[in-house]
Protein backbone atom coordinates (compact mmCIF):
# COMPACT_ATOMS: atom_id res chain seq x y z
CA UNK A 1 147.79 -117.58 135.26
CA UNK A 2 149.20 -116.45 131.93
CA UNK A 3 151.84 -113.95 133.03
CA UNK A 4 155.50 -115.10 133.06
CA UNK A 5 157.46 -116.15 136.14
CA UNK A 6 160.92 -114.70 136.70
CA UNK A 7 163.30 -117.44 137.86
CA UNK A 8 166.46 -116.42 139.71
CA UNK A 9 169.42 -118.73 140.35
CA UNK A 10 171.97 -116.74 142.30
CA UNK A 11 175.57 -117.78 142.89
CA UNK A 12 178.31 -116.09 144.89
CA UNK A 13 179.44 -114.07 141.87
CA UNK A 14 176.70 -114.70 139.34
CA UNK A 15 172.97 -114.46 138.67
CA UNK A 16 171.33 -116.78 136.18
CA UNK A 17 167.82 -115.69 135.25
CA UNK A 18 164.95 -116.70 132.99
CA UNK A 19 161.57 -115.10 132.32
CA UNK A 20 159.50 -118.23 131.79
CA UNK A 21 156.17 -117.73 129.97
CA UNK A 22 153.09 -119.77 130.78
CA UNK A 23 153.09 -121.30 127.29
CA UNK A 24 156.13 -123.29 126.12
CA UNK A 25 155.49 -121.91 122.62
CA UNK A 26 156.35 -118.38 123.71
CA UNK A 27 159.99 -117.15 123.69
CA UNK A 28 161.93 -117.25 126.95
CA UNK A 29 164.13 -114.34 127.94
CA UNK A 30 167.20 -115.62 129.72
CA UNK A 31 170.71 -114.64 130.65
CA UNK A 32 173.65 -114.75 133.00
CA UNK A 33 175.33 -111.99 134.97
CA UNK A 34 178.76 -113.28 135.95
CA UNK A 35 182.00 -112.21 137.60
CA UNK A 36 179.99 -109.82 139.78
CA UNK A 37 182.05 -107.50 141.92
CA UNK A 38 184.94 -107.50 139.46
CA UNK A 39 185.92 -105.15 136.66
CA UNK A 40 185.09 -107.98 134.23
CA UNK A 41 181.45 -108.25 135.36
CA UNK A 42 179.21 -108.80 132.35
CA UNK A 43 175.62 -109.65 131.45
CA UNK A 44 174.94 -111.96 128.51
CA UNK A 45 171.60 -113.30 127.38
CA UNK A 46 168.91 -113.85 124.77
CA UNK A 47 166.14 -111.35 123.96
CA UNK A 48 162.56 -112.00 122.84
CA UNK A 49 163.68 -112.25 119.21
CA UNK A 50 166.16 -114.96 120.02
CA UNK A 51 169.11 -112.63 119.54
CA UNK A 52 172.09 -112.78 121.86
CA UNK A 53 173.37 -109.73 123.68
CA UNK A 54 176.29 -108.84 125.92
CA UNK A 55 176.94 -105.76 128.00
CA UNK A 56 179.51 -104.81 130.66
CA UNK A 57 178.39 -104.32 134.25
CA UNK A 58 181.47 -102.37 135.42
CA UNK A 59 182.03 -104.01 138.80
CA UNK A 60 178.34 -104.35 139.67
CA UNK A 61 177.27 -106.33 142.73
CA UNK A 62 174.09 -108.40 142.94
CA UNK A 63 171.66 -105.49 143.47
CA UNK A 64 173.01 -103.48 140.55
CA UNK A 65 173.07 -106.54 138.32
CA UNK A 66 169.43 -107.31 139.18
CA UNK A 67 168.47 -103.75 138.19
CA UNK A 68 170.16 -104.26 134.81
CA UNK A 69 168.47 -107.63 134.39
CA UNK A 70 165.15 -105.90 134.96
CA UNK A 71 165.85 -103.70 131.93
CA UNK A 72 166.30 -106.79 129.74
CA UNK A 73 162.76 -107.99 130.50
CA UNK A 74 161.51 -105.60 127.81
CA UNK A 75 158.66 -104.25 129.88
CA UNK A 76 157.19 -107.66 130.69
CA UNK A 77 155.94 -107.83 134.26
CA UNK A 78 156.36 -111.19 135.98
CA UNK A 79 153.52 -112.53 138.07
CA UNK A 80 155.97 -113.90 140.65
CA UNK A 81 159.65 -114.59 141.27
CA UNK A 82 160.84 -118.16 141.81
CA UNK A 83 164.18 -118.54 143.57
CA UNK A 84 166.44 -121.56 143.40
CA UNK A 85 167.55 -122.22 147.00
CA UNK A 86 170.17 -124.94 147.26
CA UNK A 87 169.62 -126.20 150.81
CA UNK A 88 166.30 -126.39 152.62
CA UNK A 89 167.25 -128.86 155.33
CA UNK A 90 164.46 -131.15 156.51
CA UNK A 91 161.88 -128.40 156.93
CA UNK A 92 161.09 -127.71 153.28
CA UNK A 93 159.60 -130.49 151.16
CA UNK A 94 158.00 -128.32 148.46
CA UNK A 95 157.97 -124.83 146.97
CA UNK A 96 157.26 -122.27 149.70
CA UNK A 97 156.13 -118.63 149.72
CA UNK A 98 158.95 -116.54 151.18
CA UNK A 99 158.15 -114.52 154.30
CA UNK A 100 160.24 -113.44 157.27
CA UNK A 101 160.04 -116.86 158.93
CA UNK A 102 161.04 -118.70 155.75
CA UNK A 103 163.93 -116.30 155.22
CA UNK A 104 165.16 -116.99 158.77
CA UNK A 105 164.91 -120.73 158.13
CA UNK A 106 167.00 -120.39 154.96
CA UNK A 107 169.56 -118.39 156.93
CA UNK A 108 169.66 -121.18 159.52
CA UNK A 109 170.78 -123.68 156.85
CA UNK A 110 173.81 -121.60 155.83
CA UNK A 111 176.06 -123.89 157.86
CA UNK A 112 174.90 -126.81 155.68
CA UNK A 113 175.54 -124.95 152.40
CA UNK A 114 178.06 -122.17 153.09
CA UNK A 115 179.00 -121.87 149.41
CA UNK A 116 175.43 -121.65 148.13
CA UNK A 117 172.75 -120.39 150.53
CA UNK A 118 174.42 -117.02 151.30
CA UNK A 119 174.48 -116.31 147.56
CA UNK A 120 170.86 -117.39 147.23
CA UNK A 121 169.95 -114.98 150.04
CA UNK A 122 171.81 -112.15 148.27
CA UNK A 123 169.71 -112.73 145.18
CA UNK A 124 166.56 -112.81 147.27
CA UNK A 125 167.39 -109.49 148.93
CA UNK A 126 168.12 -107.82 145.59
CA UNK A 127 164.91 -109.14 144.03
CA UNK A 128 162.77 -108.09 147.00
CA UNK A 129 164.12 -104.55 146.66
CA UNK A 130 163.14 -104.44 142.98
CA UNK A 131 159.84 -106.32 143.24
CA UNK A 132 158.53 -105.62 146.77
CA UNK A 133 154.91 -106.34 145.83
CA UNK A 134 155.43 -109.57 143.90
CA UNK A 135 155.08 -113.03 145.44
CA UNK A 136 158.54 -114.51 146.06
CA UNK A 137 158.74 -118.30 146.10
CA UNK A 138 161.61 -120.53 147.22
CA UNK A 139 162.16 -123.79 145.34
CA UNK A 140 164.68 -125.99 147.13
CA UNK A 141 167.23 -128.32 145.52
CA UNK A 142 166.84 -130.64 148.48
CA UNK A 143 163.02 -130.81 148.49
CA UNK A 144 162.66 -133.50 145.82
CA UNK A 145 164.83 -135.84 147.89
CA UNK A 146 162.80 -135.52 151.09
CA UNK A 147 161.08 -138.79 150.09
CA UNK A 148 164.29 -140.74 150.77
CA UNK A 149 163.76 -143.47 153.40
CA UNK A 150 165.90 -143.37 156.56
CA UNK A 151 168.10 -146.23 155.40
CA UNK A 152 169.11 -144.05 152.41
CA UNK A 153 169.52 -140.69 154.12
CA UNK A 154 171.09 -141.61 157.49
CA UNK A 155 174.85 -141.75 158.00
CA UNK A 156 176.26 -144.39 160.35
CA UNK A 157 176.99 -141.74 162.99
CA UNK A 158 175.76 -141.25 166.57
CA UNK A 159 172.08 -140.36 166.77
CA UNK A 160 172.56 -136.91 168.40
CA UNK A 161 174.43 -135.64 165.34
CA UNK A 162 171.30 -136.23 163.30
CA UNK A 163 168.69 -135.21 165.88
CA UNK A 164 170.41 -132.05 167.11
CA UNK A 165 172.47 -130.96 164.15
CA UNK A 166 170.72 -132.34 161.05
CA UNK A 167 173.71 -134.39 159.90
CA UNK A 168 172.21 -136.61 157.21
CA UNK A 169 172.13 -137.02 153.44
CA UNK A 170 169.95 -134.43 151.68
CA UNK A 171 170.73 -134.65 147.97
CA UNK A 172 170.75 -131.83 145.41
CA UNK A 173 169.90 -131.03 141.78
CA UNK A 174 166.31 -131.72 142.85
CA UNK A 175 164.66 -129.49 140.23
CA UNK A 176 166.60 -131.23 137.46
CA UNK A 177 165.87 -134.76 138.70
CA UNK A 178 162.20 -133.86 139.19
CA UNK A 179 161.87 -132.41 135.69
CA UNK A 180 163.70 -135.24 133.94
CA UNK A 181 161.94 -138.05 135.79
CA UNK A 182 158.54 -136.49 135.05
CA UNK A 183 159.51 -136.02 131.41
CA UNK A 184 160.63 -139.63 130.91
CA UNK A 185 157.41 -140.78 132.57
CA UNK A 186 155.55 -138.89 129.86
CA UNK A 187 157.70 -140.20 127.02
CA UNK A 188 158.10 -143.86 127.91
CA UNK A 189 155.49 -146.61 127.94
CA UNK A 190 156.96 -147.60 131.30
CA UNK A 191 155.63 -144.54 133.09
CA UNK A 192 155.91 -144.26 136.88
CA UNK A 193 158.45 -147.04 136.99
CA UNK A 194 162.04 -147.22 138.16
CA UNK A 195 164.50 -144.79 136.61
CA UNK A 196 168.14 -143.94 137.20
CA UNK A 197 168.86 -140.29 136.37
CA UNK A 198 172.40 -139.05 135.70
CA UNK A 199 172.69 -135.26 135.90
CA UNK A 200 176.15 -134.54 134.51
CA UNK A 201 177.68 -131.08 134.27
CA UNK A 202 180.32 -129.23 136.23
CA UNK A 203 178.32 -130.55 139.19
CA UNK A 204 177.15 -134.15 138.86
CA UNK A 205 174.68 -136.36 140.69
CA UNK A 206 172.68 -139.52 140.17
CA UNK A 207 169.21 -140.29 141.48
CA UNK A 208 166.99 -143.35 141.74
CA UNK A 209 163.33 -142.51 141.10
CA UNK A 210 160.46 -144.89 141.78
CA UNK A 211 156.88 -143.91 140.90
CA UNK A 212 157.97 -140.29 140.51
CA UNK A 213 159.70 -140.04 143.90
CA UNK A 214 163.39 -139.89 144.79
CA UNK A 215 164.37 -142.98 146.77
CA UNK A 216 168.15 -142.48 146.77
CA UNK A 217 170.73 -140.10 145.36
CA UNK A 218 174.50 -139.69 145.19
CA UNK A 219 174.95 -136.31 146.89
CA UNK A 220 174.72 -136.08 150.66
CA UNK A 221 174.97 -133.49 153.41
CA UNK A 222 176.65 -131.20 150.88
CA UNK A 223 176.99 -131.18 147.07
CA UNK A 224 180.51 -132.60 147.47
CA UNK A 225 179.52 -136.22 148.10
CA UNK A 226 179.16 -138.70 145.26
CA UNK A 227 180.43 -138.55 141.69
CA UNK A 228 183.61 -137.09 140.27
CA UNK A 229 182.73 -133.57 139.07
CA UNK A 230 184.40 -130.69 137.29
CA UNK A 231 186.45 -129.46 140.26
CA UNK A 232 184.86 -131.47 143.10
CA UNK A 233 186.38 -134.74 144.24
CA UNK A 234 183.20 -136.62 145.03
CA UNK A 235 183.63 -139.50 147.46
CA UNK A 236 186.98 -139.76 149.25
CA UNK A 237 188.07 -141.65 152.34
CA UNK A 238 186.72 -139.65 155.35
CA UNK A 239 190.14 -140.15 156.94
CA UNK A 240 191.72 -138.03 154.20
CA UNK A 241 191.02 -134.82 156.13
CA UNK A 242 192.86 -135.98 159.24
CA UNK A 243 195.69 -137.43 157.14
CA UNK A 244 196.29 -134.15 155.29
CA UNK A 245 196.11 -132.20 158.54
CA UNK A 246 198.64 -134.49 160.27
CA UNK A 247 201.05 -135.03 157.38
CA UNK A 248 200.93 -131.67 155.61
CA UNK A 249 199.65 -129.39 158.35
CA UNK A 250 196.71 -128.31 156.21
CA UNK A 251 193.79 -126.43 157.76
CA UNK A 252 190.16 -127.45 157.29
CA UNK A 253 189.72 -124.43 154.99
CA UNK A 254 192.64 -125.55 152.81
CA UNK A 255 191.30 -129.09 152.58
CA UNK A 256 187.83 -127.78 151.76
CA UNK A 257 189.28 -125.71 148.92
CA UNK A 258 191.18 -128.73 147.64
CA UNK A 259 188.12 -130.97 147.52
CA UNK A 260 185.70 -128.38 146.11
CA UNK A 261 187.82 -126.34 143.71
CA UNK A 262 191.03 -128.20 142.82
CA UNK A 263 189.94 -131.81 142.41
CA UNK A 264 187.59 -133.76 140.13
CA UNK A 265 188.35 -133.67 136.41
CA UNK A 266 190.67 -130.71 136.93
CA UNK A 267 192.70 -132.42 139.64
CA UNK A 268 192.95 -135.77 137.85
CA UNK A 269 193.90 -134.30 134.49
CA UNK A 270 196.03 -131.41 135.70
CA UNK A 271 194.57 -129.67 132.70
CA UNK A 272 190.91 -128.65 132.78
CA UNK A 273 187.49 -129.20 134.35
CA UNK A 274 185.87 -129.01 130.89
CA UNK A 275 185.08 -132.44 129.47
CA UNK A 276 185.27 -131.09 125.91
CA UNK A 277 188.85 -129.96 126.48
CA UNK A 278 189.71 -133.32 128.00
CA UNK A 279 188.39 -135.21 124.98
CA UNK A 280 190.60 -133.06 122.74
CA UNK A 281 193.62 -133.73 124.93
CA UNK A 282 192.82 -137.45 125.20
CA UNK A 283 192.80 -137.68 121.41
CA UNK A 284 196.38 -136.42 121.60
CA UNK A 285 197.20 -139.11 124.19
CA UNK A 286 197.39 -136.76 127.18
CA UNK A 287 197.73 -139.21 130.11
CA UNK A 288 195.95 -137.01 132.65
CA UNK A 289 192.98 -136.41 130.36
CA UNK A 290 192.66 -140.12 129.58
CA UNK A 291 192.72 -140.98 133.27
CA UNK A 292 190.21 -138.27 134.20
CA UNK A 293 187.68 -139.49 131.63
CA UNK A 294 188.16 -143.11 132.67
CA UNK A 295 187.72 -142.36 136.38
CA UNK A 296 184.71 -140.12 135.72
CA UNK A 297 182.90 -142.81 133.72
CA UNK A 298 183.82 -145.67 136.06
CA UNK A 299 182.63 -143.82 139.15
CA UNK A 300 179.42 -142.83 137.36
CA UNK A 301 178.69 -146.41 136.33
CA UNK A 302 179.49 -147.60 139.85
CA UNK A 303 177.04 -145.07 141.30
CA UNK A 304 174.26 -146.08 138.90
CA UNK A 305 174.81 -149.75 139.72
CA UNK A 306 174.68 -149.01 143.44
CA UNK A 307 171.52 -146.90 143.19
CA UNK A 308 169.77 -149.69 141.30
CA UNK A 309 169.48 -151.41 144.69
CA UNK A 310 166.89 -148.78 145.64
CA UNK A 311 164.55 -149.75 142.78
CA UNK A 312 162.15 -152.71 142.77
CA UNK A 313 162.54 -152.70 138.99
CA UNK A 314 164.90 -150.90 136.61
CA UNK A 315 163.05 -149.48 133.63
CA UNK A 316 165.86 -147.37 132.28
CA UNK A 317 168.65 -144.82 132.61
CA UNK A 318 168.33 -141.16 131.65
CA UNK A 319 171.26 -138.84 130.89
CA UNK A 320 170.91 -135.08 131.34
CA UNK A 321 172.96 -131.96 132.07
CA UNK A 322 175.66 -130.44 129.85
CA UNK A 323 177.77 -133.61 129.68
CA UNK A 324 174.85 -136.02 129.82
CA UNK A 325 173.03 -134.30 126.96
CA UNK A 326 176.01 -133.70 124.67
CA UNK A 327 178.73 -136.26 125.32
CA UNK A 328 177.93 -139.43 123.40
CA UNK A 329 181.36 -140.88 124.26
CA UNK A 330 180.73 -140.67 128.02
CA UNK A 331 177.31 -142.27 127.58
CA UNK A 332 178.78 -145.13 125.53
CA UNK A 333 181.55 -145.73 128.07
CA UNK A 334 179.10 -145.85 130.97
CA UNK A 335 176.75 -148.26 129.21
CA UNK A 336 179.70 -150.53 128.39
CA UNK A 337 180.61 -150.61 132.10
CA UNK A 338 177.14 -151.98 132.99
CA UNK A 339 176.91 -155.18 130.91
CA UNK A 340 175.00 -157.14 133.57
CA UNK A 341 172.01 -154.76 133.20
CA UNK A 342 171.38 -156.04 129.67
CA UNK A 343 171.62 -152.54 128.17
CA UNK A 344 171.68 -152.30 124.36
CA UNK A 345 173.01 -148.98 123.11
CA UNK A 346 172.06 -147.80 119.63
CA UNK A 347 175.37 -146.29 118.48
CA UNK A 348 173.76 -144.29 115.68
CA UNK A 349 171.03 -142.83 117.89
CA UNK A 350 173.59 -142.11 120.60
CA UNK A 351 175.86 -140.18 118.22
CA UNK A 352 172.90 -138.25 116.83
CA UNK A 353 171.39 -137.24 120.19
CA UNK A 354 173.46 -134.19 121.10
CA UNK A 355 173.06 -130.41 121.08
CA UNK A 356 169.85 -130.29 123.10
CA UNK A 357 168.12 -133.10 121.25
CA UNK A 358 165.82 -135.40 123.18
CA UNK A 359 165.57 -139.05 122.36
CA UNK A 360 165.83 -142.70 123.12
CA UNK A 361 169.26 -144.18 122.43
CA UNK A 362 168.78 -147.90 123.06
CA UNK A 363 168.07 -150.66 120.57
CA UNK A 364 164.40 -151.48 121.02
CA UNK A 365 164.55 -155.28 121.06
CA UNK A 366 161.36 -155.76 123.05
CA UNK A 367 161.01 -157.48 126.37
CA UNK A 368 161.97 -155.79 129.62
CA UNK A 369 165.47 -154.62 128.73
CA UNK A 370 166.05 -151.22 130.37
CA UNK A 371 165.62 -148.20 128.11
CA UNK A 372 168.25 -145.50 127.58
CA UNK A 373 167.21 -141.86 127.19
CA UNK A 374 168.78 -138.46 126.71
CA UNK A 375 166.54 -135.67 128.03
CA UNK A 376 167.69 -132.03 128.21
CA UNK A 377 166.96 -130.69 131.66
CA UNK A 378 165.00 -127.50 132.34
CA UNK A 379 165.57 -126.46 135.93
CA UNK A 380 164.22 -122.97 135.29
CA UNK A 381 161.06 -124.39 133.76
CA UNK A 382 160.56 -126.69 136.73
CA UNK A 383 161.07 -123.84 139.21
CA UNK A 384 158.55 -121.70 137.30
CA UNK A 385 156.07 -124.59 137.24
CA UNK A 386 156.33 -125.17 140.99
CA UNK A 387 155.98 -121.43 141.61
CA UNK A 388 152.79 -121.31 139.53
CA UNK A 389 151.37 -124.37 141.23
CA UNK A 390 151.89 -122.85 144.67
CA UNK A 391 150.21 -119.57 143.72
CA UNK A 392 147.30 -121.41 142.12
CA UNK A 393 146.86 -123.51 145.28
CA UNK A 394 146.89 -120.36 147.39
CA UNK A 395 144.30 -118.76 145.13
CA UNK A 396 142.09 -121.85 145.33
CA UNK A 397 142.17 -121.92 149.14
CA UNK A 398 141.97 -118.17 149.68
CA UNK A 399 138.87 -117.04 151.61
CA UNK A 400 136.23 -115.32 149.51
């Protein structure tokens, strides 16, 4: 199967796309349509020559933006479309061909991911209208974490809430954790061992991987649980909701907005959700920026230490995502907070491994000291790979 796969990652006001060729040596067309539905809507991307482009979309919604994206594919016809779907509940454990029943099942999980799955469905509808004859495949963020054992995914809540309503921990960023854990297995001599993965961007999560399978992760029922993120609070006292409602008269909707859009690095710093901006401000002794960075790193180290309980053996820690791949200061701070793991950071390698570079950043002193890696993630590549695998399996088992 040599034709490219079109990968669609659809948000409420954006569409991220990539035309992923079968060979990694071939150029990848990619781009982002953002601020959809507004007068500032715009499509930016990279063409087959590696040149950047930008064009206005003049208030386009998802369907119009998808039509414009189609023009950027330069006549290349994808063999299939792979869709990132954030929440698959317990039903979906792998990439799945989309049909009417699968679409209904995705719709049924909207209550579990009200900020994500409706947008994913909008992208699916727009793509089906443009490519009605192409296979459409759903790749779920939650699928990689369906190997979690009950003691990791169950909340300490009454049984009927789980059995009847699916209230449990699901985990997210599955395509990223799957790609990175497979990649480090290929790079390290300690393949198929125990790895802690830190996916750090505007959304952040950690994952414990043993023999290529997720055994615990920081996110839960929703992508709000866990680490401090760009605008998301991560873990807070569950009693906070009732406290804010009683003391301030806040509605559930107001509290939800607070925790998802006004907290995290932005809320702590009072300045920005961008770690780069916070480092600049911290260098100028901005108290909020200093605190935000400190809390972010401490909570990350605390999560990694906690997840190590899920591993029979710790072979290493891998950093990925925009912050994980590019912020050597955050990596150094986190390693310093985990002295009891015996980690040995190579300061020179750490400073050098930024800007999309892949590499090992620990001092190789032999023995069984855990390794430290930086591995750029490729969620689009992973989604394309799973889409291809599914179609190849279908072709193999198709009746002659």
